[in-house]
Amino acid sequence: MARLLDVRNLTVRFGDTEAVRNISLHVDQSEVLGIVGESGSGKSVTCRAFMRLLPASAAVQGEVTFDGKL
């Protein structure tokens, strides 16, 4: 089955604050992904990084591929 979303070593920083550290995951076609966690744990930042909707002040490292495209 083809991978729809592939995330490798995603890290997001805002200045000295590390909001997300070294996330890797993949979602195949027809799979569903849920992201849960406490308030302030980085769920929204992670999802925005997947969609490339973070502000310019965010320093993003790692690789996010959607449907085979960077």
PDB file of N, CA and C in Angstrom:
ATOM      1  N   MET A   1       0.837  -1.173   0.000  1.00  0.00           N
ATOM      2  CA  MET A   1       0.000   0.000   0.000  1.00  0.00           C
ATOM      3  C   MET A   1       0.885   1.241   0.000  1.00  0.00           C
ATOM      4  N   ALA A   2       0.524   2.244  -0.757  1.00  0.00           N
ATOM      5  CA  ALA A   2       1.337   3.450  -0.887  1.00  0.00           C
ATOM      6  C   ALA A   2       1.199   4.346   0.333  1.00  0.00           C
ATOM      7  N   ARG A   3       2.293   4.956   0.720  1.00  0.00           N
ATOM      8  CA  ARG A   3       2.269   5.896   1.840  1.00  0.00           C
ATOM      9  C   ARG A   3       1.675   7.222   1.380  1.00  0.00           C
ATOM     10  N   LEU A   4       0.725   7.716   2.148  1.00  0.00           N
ATOM     11  CA  LEU A   4       0.121   9.004   1.851  1.00  0.00           C
ATOM     12  C   LEU A   4       0.887  10.131   2.542  1.00  0.00           C
ATOM     13  N   LEU A   5       1.250   9.903   3.799  1.00  0.00           N
ATOM     14  CA  LEU A   5       1.990  10.885   4.579  1.00  0.00           C
ATOM     15  C   LEU A   5       3.201  10.193   5.193  1.00  0.00           C
ATOM     16  N   ASP A   6       4.360  10.790   5.011  1.00  0.00           N
ATOM     17  CA  ASP A   6       5.598  10.241   5.568  1.00  0.00           C
ATOM     18  C   ASP A   6       6.344  11.384   6.255  1.00  0.00           C
ATOM     19  N   VAL A   7       6.535  11.267   7.547  1.00  0.00           N
ATOM     20  CA  VAL A   7       7.204  12.297   8.342  1.00  0.00           C
ATOM     21  C   VAL A   7       8.453  11.687   8.955  1.00  0.00           C
ATOM     22  N   ARG A   8       9.593  12.350   8.734  1.00  0.00           N
ATOM     23  CA  ARG A   8      10.862  11.830   9.240  1.00  0.00           C
ATOM     24  C   ARG A   8      11.596  12.899  10.026  1.00  0.00           C
ATOM     25  N   ASN A   9      11.832  12.581  11.310  1.00  0.00           N
ATOM     26  CA  ASN A   9      12.671  13.419  12.181  1.00  0.00           C
ATOM     27  C   ASN A   9      12.220  14.880  12.223  1.00  0.00           C
ATOM     28  N   LEU A  10      10.924  15.112  12.347  1.00  0.00           N
ATOM     29  CA  LEU A  10      10.385  16.472  12.380  1.00  0.00           C
ATOM     30  C   LEU A  10      10.674  17.125  13.733  1.00  0.00           C
ATOM     31  N   THR A  11      11.334  18.265  13.685  1.00  0.00           N
ATOM     32  CA  THR A  11      11.608  19.078  14.866  1.00  0.00           C
ATOM     33  C   THR A  11      11.229  20.512  14.531  1.00  0.00           C
ATOM     34  N   VAL A  12      10.514  21.164  15.450  1.00  0.00           N
ATOM     35  CA  VAL A  12      10.097  22.562  15.251  1.00  0.00           C
ATOM     36  C   VAL A  12      10.528  23.370  16.467  1.00  0.00           C
ATOM     37  N   ARG A  13      11.208  24.481  16.197  1.00  0.00           N
ATOM     38  CA  ARG A  13      11.662  25.384  17.262  1.00  0.00           C
ATOM     39  C   ARG A  13      11.154  26.790  16.997  1.00  0.00           C
ATOM     40  N   PHE A  14      10.853  27.482  18.089  1.00  0.00           N
ATOM     41  CA  PHE A  14      10.546  28.911  18.056  1.00  0.00           C
ATOM     42  C   PHE A  14      11.573  29.574  18.947  1.00  0.00           C
ATOM     43  N   GLY A  15      12.602  30.134  18.343  1.00  0.00           N
ATOM     44  CA  GLY A  15      13.711  30.674  19.130  1.00  0.00           C
ATOM     45  C   GLY A  15      14.414  29.545  19.868  1.00  0.00           C
ATOM     46  N   ASP A  16      14.512  29.670  21.193  1.00  0.00           N
ATOM     47  CA  ASP A  16      15.166  28.642  22.013  1.00  0.00           C
ATOM     48  C   ASP A  16      14.191  27.556  22.465  1.00  0.00           C
ATOM     49  N   THR A  17      12.912  27.726  22.148  1.00  0.00           N
ATOM     50  CA  THR A  17      11.888  26.779  22.602  1.00  0.00           C
ATOM     51  C   THR A  17      11.664  25.685  21.563  1.00  0.00           C
ATOM     52  N   GLU A  18      11.861  24.467  21.976  1.00  0.00           N
ATOM     53  CA  GLU A  18      11.635  23.320  21.098  1.00  0.00           C
ATOM     54  C   GLU A  18      10.196  22.843  21.308  1.00  0.00           C
ATOM     55  N   ALA A  19       9.325  23.097  20.319  1.00  0.00           N
ATOM     56  CA  ALA A  19       7.904  22.767  20.433  1.00  0.00           C
ATOM     57  C   ALA A  19       7.633  21.308  20.079  1.00  0.00           C
ATOM     58  N   VAL A  20       8.380  20.779  19.125  1.00  0.00           N
ATOM     59  CA  VAL A  20       8.215  19.391  18.667  1.00  0.00           C
ATOM     60  C   VAL A  20       9.617  18.822  18.491  1.00  0.00           C
ATOM     61  N   ARG A  21       9.828  17.608  18.983  1.00  0.00           N
ATOM     62  CA  ARG A  21      11.163  17.027  18.897  1.00  0.00           C
ATOM     63  C   ARG A  21      11.137  15.656  18.226  1.00  0.00           C
ATOM     64  N   ASN A  22      11.758  15.577  17.070  1.00  0.00           N
ATOM     65  CA  ASN A  22      12.095  14.318  16.410  1.00  0.00           C
ATOM     66  C   ASN A  22      10.909  13.350  16.227  1.00  0.00           C
ATOM     67  N   ILE A  23       9.854  13.832  15.576  1.00  0.00           N
ATOM     68  CA  ILE A  23       8.690  12.991  15.303  1.00  0.00           C
ATOM     69  C   ILE A  23       8.883  12.292  13.956  1.00  0.00           C
ATOM     70  N   SER A  24       8.649  11.002  13.935  1.00  0.00           N
ATOM     71  CA  SER A  24       8.653  10.222  12.694  1.00  0.00           C
ATOM     72  C   SER A  24       7.410   9.339  12.692  1.00  0.00           C
ATOM     73  N   LEU A  25       6.703   9.316  11.568  1.00  0.00           N
ATOM     74  CA  LEU A  25       5.516   8.480  11.428  1.00  0.00           C
ATOM     75  C   LEU A  25       5.185   8.358   9.958  1.00  0.00           C
ATOM     76  N   HIS A  26       4.304   7.420   9.642  1.00  0.00           N
ATOM     77  CA  HIS A  26       3.775   7.350   8.286  1.00  0.00           C
ATOM     78  C   HIS A  26       2.327   6.893   8.342  1.00  0.00           C
ATOM     79  N   VAL A  27       1.570   7.351   7.357  1.00  0.00           N
ATOM     80  CA  VAL A  27       0.163   6.990   7.221  1.00  0.00           C
ATOM     81  C   VAL A  27      -0.029   6.476   5.801  1.00  0.00           C
ATOM     82  N   ASP A  28      -0.517   5.264   5.684  1.00  0.00           N
ATOM     83  CA  ASP A  28      -0.806   4.687   4.377  1.00  0.00           C
ATOM     84  C   ASP A  28      -2.189   5.122   3.913  1.00  0.00           C
ATOM     85  N   GLN A  29      -2.438   4.983   2.613  1.00  0.00           N
ATOM     86  CA  GLN A  29      -3.763   5.282   2.085  1.00  0.00           C
ATOM     87  C   GLN A  29      -4.797   4.442   2.812  1.00  0.00           C
ATOM     88  N   SER A  30      -5.928   5.008   3.077  1.00  0.00           N
ATOM     89  CA  SER A  30      -7.078   4.418   3.767  1.00  0.00           C
ATOM     90  C   SER A  30      -6.866   4.272   5.273  1.00  0.00           C
ATOM     91  N   GLU A  31      -5.723   4.704   5.817  1.00  0.00           N
ATOM     92  CA  GLU A  31      -5.520   4.712   7.260  1.00  0.00           C
ATOM     93  C   GLU A  31      -5.964   6.057   7.828  1.00  0.00           C
ATOM     94  N   VAL A  32      -6.254   6.062   9.123  1.00  0.00           N
ATOM     95  CA  VAL A  32      -6.651   7.268   9.825  1.00  0.00           C
ATOM     96  C   VAL A  32      -5.653   7.502  10.957  1.00  0.00           C
ATOM     97  N   LEU A  33      -5.246   8.753  11.138  1.00  0.00           N
ATOM     98  CA  LEU A  33      -4.304   9.111  12.193  1.00  0.00           C
ATOM     99  C   LEU A  33      -4.980  10.062  13.162  1.00  0.00           C
ATOM    100  N   GLY A  34      -4.865   9.793  14.441  1.00  0.00           N
ATOM    101  CA  GLY A  34      -5.337  10.704  15.481  1.00  0.00           C
ATOM    102  C   GLY A  34      -4.147  11.141  16.314  1.00  0.00           C
ATOM    103  N   ILE A  35      -4.091  12.426  16.620  1.00  0.00           N
ATOM    104  CA  ILE A  35      -3.016  12.962  17.452  1.00  0.00           C
ATOM    105  C   ILE A  35      -3.656  13.495  18.723  1.00  0.00           C
ATOM    106  N   VAL A  36      -3.275  12.930  19.852  1.00  0.00           N
ATOM    107  CA  VAL A  36      -3.840  13.330  21.141  1.00  0.00           C
ATOM    108  C   VAL A  36      -2.723  13.695  22.101  1.00  0.00           C
ATOM    109  N   GLY A  37      -3.035  14.532  23.052  1.00  0.00           N
ATOM    110  CA  GLY A  37      -2.061  14.909  24.064  1.00  0.00           C
ATOM    111  C   GLY A  37      -2.580  16.054  24.894  1.00  0.00           C
ATOM    112  N   GLU A  38      -1.851  16.367  25.925  1.00  0.00           N
ATOM    113  CA  GLU A  38      -2.230  17.448  26.825  1.00  0.00           C
ATOM    114  C   GLU A  38      -2.099  18.804  26.135  1.00  0.00           C
ATOM    115  N   SER A  39      -2.738  19.792  26.707  1.00  0.00           N
ATOM    116  CA  SER A  39      -2.631  21.160  26.224  1.00  0.00           C
ATOM    117  C   SER A  39      -1.163  21.579  26.232  1.00  0.00           C
ATOM    118  N   GLY A  40      -0.713  22.139  25.125  1.00  0.00           N
ATOM    119  CA  GLY A  40       0.672  22.600  25.033  1.00  0.00           C
ATOM    120  C   GLY A  40       1.677  21.538  24.655  1.00  0.00           C
ATOM    121  N   SER A  41       1.209  20.352  24.257  1.00  0.00           N
ATOM    122  CA  SER A  41       2.143  19.264  23.949  1.00  0.00           C
ATOM    123  C   SER A  41       2.652  19.283  22.504  1.00  0.00           C
ATOM    124  N   GLY A  42       2.148  20.197  21.670  1.00  0.00           N
ATOM    125  CA  GLY A  42       2.658  20.333  20.307  1.00  0.00           C
ATOM    126  C   GLY A  42       1.774  19.755  19.217  1.00  0.00           C
ATOM    127  N   LYS A  43       0.527  19.409  19.530  1.00  0.00           N
ATOM    128  CA  LYS A  43      -0.377  18.820  18.524  1.00  0.00           C
ATOM    129  C   LYS A  43      -0.623  19.769  17.359  1.00  0.00           C
ATOM    130  N   SER A  44      -0.986  21.005  17.653  1.00  0.00           N
ATOM    131  CA  SER A  44      -1.291  21.977  16.594  1.00  0.00           C
ATOM    132  C   SER A  44      -0.051  22.331  15.785  1.00  0.00           C
ATOM    133  N   VAL A  45       1.078  22.493  16.456  1.00  0.00           N
ATOM    134  CA  VAL A  45       2.329  22.803  15.754  1.00  0.00           C
ATOM    135  C   VAL A  45       2.688  21.656  14.816  1.00  0.00           C
ATOM    136  N   THR A  46       2.515  20.429  15.276  1.00  0.00           N
ATOM    137  CA  THR A  46       2.806  19.261  14.437  1.00  0.00           C
ATOM    138  C   THR A  46       1.926  19.248  13.199  1.00  0.00           C
ATOM    139  N   CYS A  47       0.626  19.439  13.384  1.00  0.00           N
ATOM    140  CA  CYS A  47      -0.298  19.425  12.241  1.00  0.00           C
ATOM    141  C   CYS A  47      -0.013  20.575  11.286  1.00  0.00           C
ATOM    142  N   ARG A  48       0.291  21.735  11.816  1.00  0.00           N
ATOM    143  CA  ARG A  48       0.621  22.874  10.951  1.00  0.00           C
ATOM    144  C   ARG A  48       1.922  22.639  10.190  1.00  0.00           C
ATOM    145  N   ALA A  49       2.861  21.957  10.799  1.00  0.00           N
ATOM    146  CA  ALA A  49       4.102  21.611  10.097  1.00  0.00           C
ATOM    147  C   ALA A  49       3.798  20.652   8.948  1.00  0.00           C
ATOM    148  N   PHE A  50       2.886  19.680   9.179  1.00  0.00           N
ATOM    149  CA  PHE A  50       2.500  18.760   8.100  1.00  0.00           C
ATOM    150  C   PHE A  50       1.966  19.541   6.899  1.00  0.00           C
ATOM    151  N   MET A  51       1.179  20.595   7.175  1.00  0.00           N
ATOM    152  CA  MET A  51       0.510  21.358   6.113  1.00  0.00           C
ATOM    153  C   MET A  51       1.318  22.567   5.644  1.00  0.00           C
ATOM    154  N   ARG A  52       2.504  22.749   6.216  1.00  0.00           N
ATOM    155  CA  ARG A  52       3.380  23.882   5.891  1.00  0.00           C
ATOM    156  C   ARG A  52       2.695  25.233   6.162  1.00  0.00           C
ATOM    157  N   LEU A  53       2.036  25.317   7.310  1.00  0.00           N
ATOM    158  CA  LEU A  53       1.316  26.529   7.694  1.00  0.00           C
ATOM    159  C   LEU A  53       1.913  27.212   8.919  1.00  0.00           C
ATOM    160  N   LEU A  54       3.151  26.907   9.242  1.00  0.00           N
ATOM    161  CA  LEU A  54       3.807  27.535  10.380  1.00  0.00           C
ATOM    162  C   LEU A  54       4.285  28.935   9.999  1.00  0.00           C
ATOM    163  N   PRO A  55       4.369  29.846  10.970  1.00  0.00           N
ATOM    164  CA  PRO A  55       4.874  31.188  10.673  1.00  0.00           C
ATOM    165  C   PRO A  55       6.363  31.158  10.329  1.00  0.00           C
ATOM    166  N   ALA A  56       6.818  32.234   9.742  1.00  0.00           N
ATOM    167  CA  ALA A  56       8.222  32.327   9.332  1.00  0.00           C
ATOM    168  C   ALA A  56       9.173  32.237  10.523  1.00  0.00           C
ATOM    169  N   SER A  57       8.690  32.528  11.721  1.00  0.00           N
ATOM    170  CA  SER A  57       9.541  32.483  12.915  1.00  0.00           C
ATOM    171  C   SER A  57       9.857  31.053  13.358  1.00  0.00           C
ATOM    172  N   ALA A  58       9.189  30.076  12.793  1.00  0.00           N
ATOM    173  CA  ALA A  58       9.421  28.678  13.156  1.00  0.00           C
ATOM    174  C   ALA A  58      10.615  28.122  12.393  1.00  0.00           C
ATOM    175  N   ALA A  59      11.508  27.458  13.110  1.00  0.00           N
ATOM    176  CA  ALA A  59      12.632  26.757  12.491  1.00  0.00           C
ATOM    177  C   ALA A  59      12.256  25.278  12.416  1.00  0.00           C
ATOM    178  N   VAL A  60      12.100  24.786  11.195  1.00  0.00           N
ATOM    179  CA  VAL A  60      11.635  23.411  10.985  1.00  0.00           C
ATOM    180  C   VAL A  60      12.768  22.576  10.418  1.00  0.00           C
ATOM    181  N   GLN A  61      12.990  21.411  11.025  1.00  0.00           N
ATOM    182  CA  GLN A  61      13.960  20.447  10.527  1.00  0.00           C
ATOM    183  C   GLN A  61      13.237  19.136  10.292  1.00  0.00           C
ATOM    184  N   GLY A  62      13.755  18.340   9.395  1.00  0.00           N
ATOM    185  CA  GLY A  62      13.151  17.055   9.077  1.00  0.00           C
ATOM    186  C   GLY A  62      12.495  17.090   7.707  1.00  0.00           C
ATOM    187  N   GLU A  63      11.729  16.076   7.423  1.00  0.00           N
ATOM    188  CA  GLU A  63      11.133  15.938   6.093  1.00  0.00           C
ATOM    189  C   GLU A  63       9.677  15.492   6.216  1.00  0.00           C
ATOM    190  N   VAL A  64       8.798  16.178   5.494  1.00  0.00           N
ATOM    191  CA  VAL A  64       7.386  15.798   5.418  1.00  0.00           C
ATOM    192  C   VAL A  64       7.056  15.592   3.956  1.00  0.00           C
ATOM    193  N   THR A  65       6.611  14.395   3.619  1.00  0.00           N
ATOM    194  CA  THR A  65       6.234  14.068   2.249  1.00  0.00           C
ATOM    195  C   THR A  65       4.759  13.683   2.234  1.00  0.00           C
ATOM    196  N   PHE A  66       3.992  14.314   1.352  1.00  0.00           N
ATOM    197  CA  PHE A  66       2.582  13.996   1.196  1.00  0.00           C
ATOM    198  C   PHE A  66       2.340  13.507  -0.216  1.00  0.00           C
ATOM    199  N   ASP A  67       1.807  12.333  -0.340  1.00  0.00           N
ATOM    200  CA  ASP A  67       1.509  11.725  -1.636  1.00  0.00           C
ATOM    201  C   ASP A  67       2.747  11.700  -2.544  1.00  0.00           C
ATOM    202  N   GLY A  68       3.909  11.441  -1.930  1.00  0.00           N
ATOM    203  CA  GLY A  68       5.151  11.327  -2.677  1.00  0.00           C
ATOM    204  C   GLY A  68       5.838  12.635  -3.018  1.00  0.00           C
ATOM    205  N   LYS A  69       5.270  13.769  -2.556  1.00  0.00           N
ATOM    206  CA  LYS A  69       5.836  15.077  -2.874  1.00  0.00           C
ATOM    207  C   LYS A  69       6.302  15.778  -1.606  1.00  0.00           C
ATOM    208  N   LEU A  70       7.504  16.382  -1.673  1.00  0.00           N
ATOM    209  CA  LEU A  70       8.032  17.132  -0.525  1.00  0.00           C
ATOM    210  C   LEU A  70       7.236  18.401  -0.295  1.00  0.00           C
TER     211      LEU A  70
END
